[in-house]
Amino acid sequence: AGFRHLGPGALLFLRHIEEITWGVDDGPSGFYMRYSPEALGNNVKRVTVIGQETGQPEVDQNWLVFHRNVFSADQQREGRVEIAFLLVPKTDSPGSWAVKPLASSPLVVFFPTVVESHLGFLVQGPYRTTPGRDNIVPSDPWNQNLIAETAKLLVDAMCWMRGSGMLDVSALCCLPLDSEKFAPETRFALLFDAVRSAFQEEALLPTTNGTHVMSHQAKLARRQELRELFSPQQVAALLDPDVTAW
């Protein structure tokens, strides 16, 4: 039952296990495997995991994984924090990928915990866990440091996706944008703060013409008809001279 609960995604962040094969006499069986990562940059790679299990559809997942090394107070390397976005092929552009938000995103300490992050991507790191390894202690200084490092990594990931043409509306749906879910007292409030500051300080907000601008340079228009009716120049004249795009 434990192996069936794992699924191929459990291999995503492991270092030394690439394949799990299990079976029960006269019962179900399963096979999970992670292919060798494809490096896309200094701290980013694409990882493919596959799986096959009795009575279940085959799984073939691609993930965009970013990492950042973390250090102790005396500057000894203590592993790395990671974030992973689920990728799906673009239907209108063969060979290209788009980011897809996750419906559920438990915090991962090499294996998933019971801590729901409410993010559209996975967060992984060498957190200090409870004895059962299914939870973490939020007040632990080391855990707080890892979350702060993850916030920096998330901004780096946004910049990389912008440069790769992947920071679109679907990618935005993965980000911590709901102030109620990421209130100051919550575990991942630092990620919300980092993303908000990034939109204010860097050109990361996608526009209808395919460019990216800072948050004060754009207005949100929910209907296509409205975006087609007014040009950015007309919106700037009506609302704010700094606005350059929808």
Protein backbone atom coordinates (compact mmCIF):
# COMPACT_ATOMS: atom_id res chain seq x y z
CA ALA A 1 0.00 0.00 0.00
CA GLY A 2 2.89 2.34 0.73
CA PHE A 3 4.43 1.82 -2.70
CA ARG A 4 1.08 2.41 -4.41
CA HIS A 5 0.75 5.69 -2.52
CA LEU A 6 4.19 6.90 -3.68
CA GLY A 7 3.65 7.16 -7.41
CA PRO A 8 6.38 8.22 -9.86
CA GLY A 9 6.44 11.80 -8.53
CA ALA A 10 8.18 10.53 -5.40
CA LEU A 11 11.36 10.10 -7.45
CA LEU A 12 11.44 13.74 -8.53
CA PHE A 13 13.74 15.08 -5.80
CA LEU A 14 15.67 11.95 -4.84
CA ARG A 15 19.41 11.89 -5.48
CA HIS A 16 20.37 8.21 -5.55
CA ILE A 17 17.19 6.33 -6.46
CA GLU A 18 16.15 6.39 -10.09
CA GLU A 19 13.81 3.43 -10.29
CA ILE A 20 11.32 1.59 -8.08
CA THR A 21 9.77 -1.70 -9.10
CA TRP A 22 7.39 -3.50 -6.78
CA GLY A 23 4.93 -6.35 -6.92
CA VAL A 24 2.63 -8.48 -4.80
CA ASP A 25 2.23 -12.22 -5.41
CA ASP A 26 -0.98 -12.75 -7.38
CA GLY A 27 -1.69 -9.05 -6.88
CA PRO A 28 -0.87 -5.59 -8.27
CA SER A 29 2.54 -4.36 -9.34
CA GLY A 30 4.12 -1.06 -10.24
CA PHE A 31 7.10 0.49 -11.96
CA TYR A 32 8.36 4.06 -11.46
CA MET A 33 11.42 5.62 -13.10
CA ARG A 34 13.15 9.00 -13.37
CA TYR A 35 15.20 9.75 -16.49
CA SER A 36 18.50 11.60 -16.30
CA PRO A 37 17.78 15.33 -15.90
CA GLU A 38 18.30 17.65 -18.87
CA ALA A 39 20.21 20.76 -17.84
CA LEU A 40 18.62 23.97 -19.13
CA GLY A 41 20.79 26.43 -17.20
CA ASN A 42 23.03 26.80 -14.15
CA ASN A 43 20.29 26.01 -11.66
CA VAL A 44 17.44 24.68 -13.79
CA LYS A 45 16.72 21.33 -15.40
CA ARG A 46 13.89 19.37 -16.95
CA VAL A 47 13.10 16.06 -15.28
CA THR A 48 10.94 13.30 -16.73
CA VAL A 49 9.31 10.67 -14.53
CA ILE A 50 7.20 7.77 -15.76
CA GLY A 51 5.10 5.17 -14.02
CA GLN A 52 2.93 2.16 -14.65
CA GLU A 53 0.71 0.49 -12.08
CA THR A 54 -1.88 -2.26 -12.19
CA GLY A 55 -5.34 -0.83 -12.82
CA GLN A 56 -4.09 2.73 -13.31
CA PRO A 57 -3.33 4.77 -16.45
CA GLU A 58 0.33 5.18 -17.37
CA VAL A 59 2.02 8.32 -16.06
CA ASP A 60 4.47 10.40 -18.10
CA GLN A 61 5.32 13.70 -16.42
CA ASN A 62 7.79 16.44 -17.23
CA TRP A 63 8.91 18.91 -14.58
CA LEU A 64 10.84 22.16 -14.66
CA VAL A 65 13.04 22.09 -11.55
CA PHE A 66 15.00 25.03 -10.11
CA HIS A 67 17.44 24.78 -7.21
CA ARG A 68 19.46 27.04 -4.91
CA ASN A 69 22.21 25.90 -2.52
CA VAL A 70 21.70 26.67 1.17
CA PHE A 71 24.36 27.13 3.84
CA SER A 72 24.62 26.96 7.61
CA ALA A 73 25.59 29.90 9.83
CA ASP A 74 29.28 28.97 9.42
CA GLN A 75 28.87 28.80 5.61
CA GLN A 76 28.85 25.02 5.33
CA ARG A 77 26.71 23.77 2.48
CA GLU A 78 23.63 22.02 3.85
CA GLY A 79 21.92 20.90 0.66
CA ARG A 80 19.60 22.94 -1.51
CA VAL A 81 16.05 24.16 -1.81
CA GLU A 82 14.11 23.31 -4.96
CA ILE A 83 10.89 24.22 -6.69
CA ALA A 84 9.27 22.19 -9.49
CA PHE A 85 6.67 23.25 -12.05
CA LEU A 86 4.64 20.67 -13.94
CA LEU A 87 5.08 21.00 -17.72
CA VAL A 88 2.63 20.20 -20.50
CA PRO A 89 3.24 20.38 -24.28
CA LYS A 90 1.94 23.48 -26.05
CA THR A 91 -0.74 22.51 -28.54
CA ASP A 92 -0.03 25.48 -30.81
CA SER A 93 3.77 25.17 -30.74
CA PRO A 94 5.21 21.65 -31.18
CA GLY A 95 8.32 21.08 -29.12
CA SER A 96 7.49 23.85 -26.64
CA TRP A 97 6.29 23.56 -23.06
CA ALA A 98 3.89 25.45 -20.83
CA VAL A 99 3.60 25.46 -17.05
CA LYS A 100 0.47 23.90 -15.56
CA PRO A 101 -0.72 24.75 -12.00
CA LEU A 102 -1.03 21.88 -9.54
CA ALA A 103 -4.36 21.18 -7.84
CA SER A 104 -2.53 20.04 -4.70
CA SER A 105 1.01 20.91 -3.64
CA PRO A 106 2.27 19.32 -0.42
CA LEU A 107 5.59 20.51 0.96
CA VAL A 108 8.28 17.96 0.09
CA VAL A 109 11.17 16.91 2.30
CA PHE A 110 12.49 14.48 -0.32
CA PHE A 111 9.12 12.73 0.13
CA PRO A 112 5.76 14.56 0.42
CA THR A 113 4.60 15.75 3.86
CA VAL A 114 1.07 16.54 5.05
CA VAL A 115 1.79 20.30 4.83
CA GLU A 116 -0.26 21.85 2.01
CA SER A 117 1.54 24.86 0.54
CA HIS A 118 -1.42 26.21 -1.52
CA LEU A 119 1.06 26.86 -4.32
CA GLY A 120 0.73 25.78 -7.94
CA PHE A 121 4.16 24.12 -7.84
CA LEU A 122 6.15 21.86 -5.52
CA VAL A 123 8.54 23.14 -2.86
CA GLN A 124 11.33 20.88 -1.59
CA GLY A 125 14.16 21.28 0.88
CA PRO A 126 16.08 19.74 3.80
CA TYR A 127 13.56 20.95 6.38
CA ARG A 128 13.70 19.82 9.98
CA THR A 129 10.71 17.57 10.40
CA THR A 130 8.72 16.07 13.24
CA PRO A 131 9.76 12.53 14.28
CA GLY A 132 7.23 11.01 11.87
CA ARG A 133 8.72 13.05 8.97
CA ASP A 134 5.22 14.04 7.89
CA ASN A 135 5.32 17.64 9.16
CA ILE A 136 7.73 20.47 9.92
CA VAL A 137 8.08 22.93 12.80
CA PRO A 138 7.28 26.39 11.37
CA SER A 139 9.05 28.28 14.15
CA ASP A 140 12.35 26.45 13.63
CA PRO A 141 14.96 29.06 12.52
CA TRP A 142 16.46 26.68 9.97
CA ASN A 143 13.06 26.04 8.40
CA GLN A 144 12.38 29.78 8.26
CA ASN A 145 15.75 30.27 6.54
CA LEU A 146 14.86 27.64 3.92
CA ILE A 147 11.58 29.38 3.15
CA ALA A 148 13.44 32.70 2.75
CA GLU A 149 15.89 31.04 0.33
CA THR A 150 12.97 29.48 -1.56
CA ALA A 151 11.44 32.94 -1.96
CA LYS A 152 14.66 34.16 -3.63
CA LEU A 153 14.70 31.06 -5.82
CA LEU A 154 11.11 31.66 -6.91
CA VAL A 155 11.96 35.16 -8.16
CA ASP A 156 14.96 33.73 -10.04
CA ALA A 157 12.64 31.12 -11.59
CA MET A 158 10.19 33.82 -12.70
CA CYS A 159 13.00 35.70 -14.43
CA TRP A 160 14.20 32.53 -16.15
CA MET A 161 10.70 31.67 -17.36
CA ARG A 162 10.28 35.20 -18.70
CA GLY A 163 13.45 34.84 -20.74
CA SER A 164 12.29 31.44 -22.01
CA GLY A 165 8.84 32.64 -23.05
CA MET A 166 7.08 30.63 -20.32
CA LEU A 167 5.97 33.37 -17.92
CA ASP A 168 2.38 33.58 -19.15
CA VAL A 169 -1.06 33.56 -17.53
CA SER A 170 -0.84 29.83 -16.77
CA ALA A 171 2.47 30.41 -14.97
CA LEU A 172 0.93 33.29 -13.01
CA CYS A 173 -1.76 30.91 -11.75
CA CYS A 174 0.98 28.88 -10.07
CA LEU A 175 2.26 31.80 -8.01
CA PRO A 176 1.31 32.84 -4.45
CA LEU A 177 -1.05 35.70 -5.30
CA ASP A 178 -3.90 35.20 -2.79
CA SER A 179 -3.28 37.42 0.24
CA GLU A 180 -5.70 35.40 2.37
CA LYS A 181 -3.88 32.11 1.81
CA PHE A 182 -0.50 33.74 2.39
CA ALA A 183 -1.25 36.06 5.31
CA PRO A 184 1.74 37.23 7.41
CA GLU A 185 1.30 34.45 9.99
CA THR A 186 1.28 31.61 7.44
CA ARG A 187 4.25 29.39 6.56
CA PHE A 188 4.80 30.68 3.04
CA ALA A 189 4.04 34.38 3.50
CA LEU A 190 7.61 35.23 2.46
CA LEU A 191 6.95 33.78 -0.99
CA PHE A 192 3.90 36.03 -1.40
CA ASP A 193 5.93 39.08 -0.33
CA ALA A 194 8.79 38.21 -2.68
CA VAL A 195 6.49 37.79 -5.69
CA ARG A 196 4.65 41.03 -4.97
CA SER A 197 7.93 42.94 -4.71
CA ALA A 198 9.23 41.31 -7.90
CA PHE A 199 6.20 42.48 -9.88
CA GLN A 200 6.70 46.00 -8.53
CA GLU A 201 10.42 46.18 -9.24
CA GLU A 202 10.96 44.10 -12.40
CA ALA A 203 9.23 43.66 -15.76
CA LEU A 204 7.61 40.30 -15.03
CA LEU A 205 3.91 40.86 -15.70
CA PRO A 206 2.90 39.40 -19.11
CA THR A 207 0.88 41.60 -21.45
CA THR A 208 -1.41 40.95 -24.39
CA ASN A 209 1.33 41.84 -26.89
CA GLY A 210 3.78 39.26 -25.53
CA THR A 211 6.04 41.63 -23.61
CA HIS A 212 6.48 41.98 -19.85
CA VAL A 213 6.11 45.11 -17.73
CA MET A 214 6.19 46.16 -14.09
CA SER A 215 2.90 46.10 -12.22
CA HIS A 216 2.37 49.88 -12.26
CA GLN A 217 2.69 49.87 -16.05
CA ALA A 218 -0.32 47.63 -16.75
CA LYS A 219 -4.05 47.41 -16.16
CA LEU A 220 -5.95 44.14 -15.79
CA ALA A 221 -8.77 43.68 -18.32
CA ARG A 222 -10.78 40.51 -17.80
CA ARG A 223 -12.56 40.42 -21.16
CA GLN A 224 -10.97 40.13 -24.59
CA GLU A 225 -13.48 42.60 -26.01
CA LEU A 226 -12.27 45.31 -23.66
CA ARG A 227 -8.63 44.67 -24.51
CA GLU A 228 -9.44 44.95 -28.21
CA LEU A 229 -11.52 48.10 -27.76
CA PHE A 230 -8.87 50.27 -26.10
CA SER A 231 -5.21 50.46 -27.04
CA PRO A 232 -2.57 50.80 -24.28
CA GLN A 233 -2.06 54.43 -25.37
CA GLN A 234 -5.76 55.17 -24.88
CA VAL A 235 -5.76 53.47 -21.48
CA ALA A 236 -2.77 55.59 -20.46
CA ALA A 237 -4.57 58.72 -21.55
CA LEU A 238 -7.69 57.76 -19.60
CA LEU A 239 -6.25 56.27 -16.43
CA ASP A 240 -2.52 56.59 -15.84
CA PRO A 241 0.35 57.96 -17.98
CA ASP A 242 2.63 55.17 -16.72
CA VAL A 243 0.43 52.45 -18.20
CA THR A 244 1.92 50.91 -21.33
CA ALA A 245 -0.02 47.65 -21.74
CA TRP A 246 -3.04 45.54 -20.86
